[in-house]
Amino acid sequence: MVFEPENLHLYVEFASSDHADWMSIDDFLARVPRDELHKQALERLLEQIARAFLG
């Protein structure tokens, strides 16, 4: 994940050996996971968000 503080944007990167596929955090959270890796990444991010709120 990359956070751009000057624009208040958070991006998620899916990287393979030959290129990177970036999407906004909004798109990442709002779409149906495209594969198992995407599903796992979404689950881990949601766990981190929950921990941040529950402290």
C-alpha atoms as a PDB file:
ATOM      1  CA  MET A   1       0.000   0.000   0.000  1.00  0.00           C
ATOM      2  CA  VAL A   2       1.137   3.529  -0.704  1.00  0.00           C
ATOM      3  CA  PHE A   3      -0.236   6.623   1.001  1.00  0.00           C
ATOM      4  CA  GLU A   4       0.118  10.032  -0.661  1.00  0.00           C
ATOM      5  CA  PRO A   5      -0.357  12.470   2.239  1.00  0.00           C
ATOM      6  CA  GLU A   6      -0.453  15.580   0.059  1.00  0.00           C
ATOM      7  CA  ASN A   7      -3.424  14.149  -1.882  1.00  0.00           C
ATOM      8  CA  LEU A   8      -4.832  12.016   0.952  1.00  0.00           C
ATOM      9  CA  HIS A   9      -4.889   8.999  -1.354  1.00  0.00           C
ATOM     10  CA  LEU A  10      -4.173   5.407  -0.450  1.00  0.00           C
ATOM     11  CA  TYR A  11      -3.311   3.003  -3.256  1.00  0.00           C
ATOM     12  CA  VAL A  12      -2.989  -0.758  -3.345  1.00  0.00           C
ATOM     13  CA  GLU A  13      -0.544  -2.451  -5.694  1.00  0.00           C
ATOM     14  CA  PHE A  14      -0.818  -5.915  -7.164  1.00  0.00           C
ATOM     15  CA  ALA A  15       2.653  -6.733  -8.414  1.00  0.00           C
ATOM     16  CA  SER A  16       3.760  -9.531 -10.634  1.00  0.00           C
ATOM     17  CA  SER A  17       7.218 -10.153 -11.975  1.00  0.00           C
ATOM     18  CA  ASP A  18       6.699  -7.921 -15.020  1.00  0.00           C
ATOM     19  CA  HIS A  19       4.355  -5.084 -14.004  1.00  0.00           C
ATOM     20  CA  ALA A  20       2.341  -3.476 -11.235  1.00  0.00           C
ATOM     21  CA  ASP A  21      -1.412  -2.979 -11.228  1.00  0.00           C
ATOM     22  CA  TRP A  22      -2.480  -0.043  -9.017  1.00  0.00           C
ATOM     23  CA  MET A  23      -5.963   0.755  -7.800  1.00  0.00           C
ATOM     24  CA  SER A  24      -7.420   3.184  -5.310  1.00  0.00           C
ATOM     25  CA  ILE A  25      -8.329   1.888  -1.877  1.00  0.00           C
ATOM     26  CA  ASP A  26     -11.982   2.635  -2.711  1.00  0.00           C
ATOM     27  CA  ASP A  27     -11.854   0.324  -5.725  1.00  0.00           C
ATOM     28  CA  PHE A  28      -9.938  -2.297  -3.761  1.00  0.00           C
ATOM     29  CA  LEU A  29     -12.555  -2.397  -0.998  1.00  0.00           C
ATOM     30  CA  ALA A  30     -15.601  -2.143  -3.278  1.00  0.00           C
ATOM     31  CA  ARG A  31     -14.890  -4.856  -5.844  1.00  0.00           C
ATOM     32  CA  VAL A  32     -15.348  -8.599  -5.650  1.00  0.00           C
ATOM     33  CA  PRO A  33     -11.905 -10.183  -5.193  1.00  0.00           C
ATOM     34  CA  ARG A  34     -10.592 -11.356  -8.577  1.00  0.00           C
ATOM     35  CA  ASP A  35      -8.586 -14.282  -7.223  1.00  0.00           C
ATOM     36  CA  GLU A  36      -7.445 -15.949  -4.007  1.00  0.00           C
ATOM     37  CA  LEU A  37      -4.493 -13.568  -3.534  1.00  0.00           C
ATOM     38  CA  HIS A  38      -6.774 -10.537  -3.864  1.00  0.00           C
ATOM     39  CA  LYS A  39      -9.180 -12.124  -1.356  1.00  0.00           C
ATOM     40  CA  GLN A  40      -6.370 -12.716   1.147  1.00  0.00           C
ATOM     41  CA  ALA A  41      -5.074  -9.154   0.728  1.00  0.00           C
ATOM     42  CA  LEU A  42      -8.564  -7.768   1.323  1.00  0.00           C
ATOM     43  CA  GLU A  43      -9.011  -9.898   4.447  1.00  0.00           C
ATOM     44  CA  ARG A  44      -5.632  -8.763   5.855  1.00  0.00           C
ATOM     45  CA  LEU A  45      -6.374  -5.101   5.181  1.00  0.00           C
ATOM     46  CA  LEU A  46      -9.756  -5.358   6.885  1.00  0.00           C
ATOM     47  CA  GLU A  47      -8.090  -7.040   9.870  1.00  0.00           C
ATOM     48  CA  GLN A  48      -5.619  -4.152  10.113  1.00  0.00           C
ATOM     49  CA  ILE A  49      -8.403  -1.577   9.886  1.00  0.00           C
ATOM     50  CA  ALA A  50     -10.391  -3.357  12.607  1.00  0.00           C
ATOM     51  CA  ARG A  51      -7.318  -3.480  14.879  1.00  0.00           C
ATOM     52  CA  ALA A  52      -6.725   0.234  14.319  1.00  0.00           C
ATOM     53  CA  PHE A  53     -10.289   1.080  15.373  1.00  0.00           C
ATOM     54  CA  LEU A  54     -10.360  -1.304  18.306  1.00  0.00           C
ATOM     55  CA  GLY A  55      -6.858  -0.342  19.369  1.00  0.00           C
END
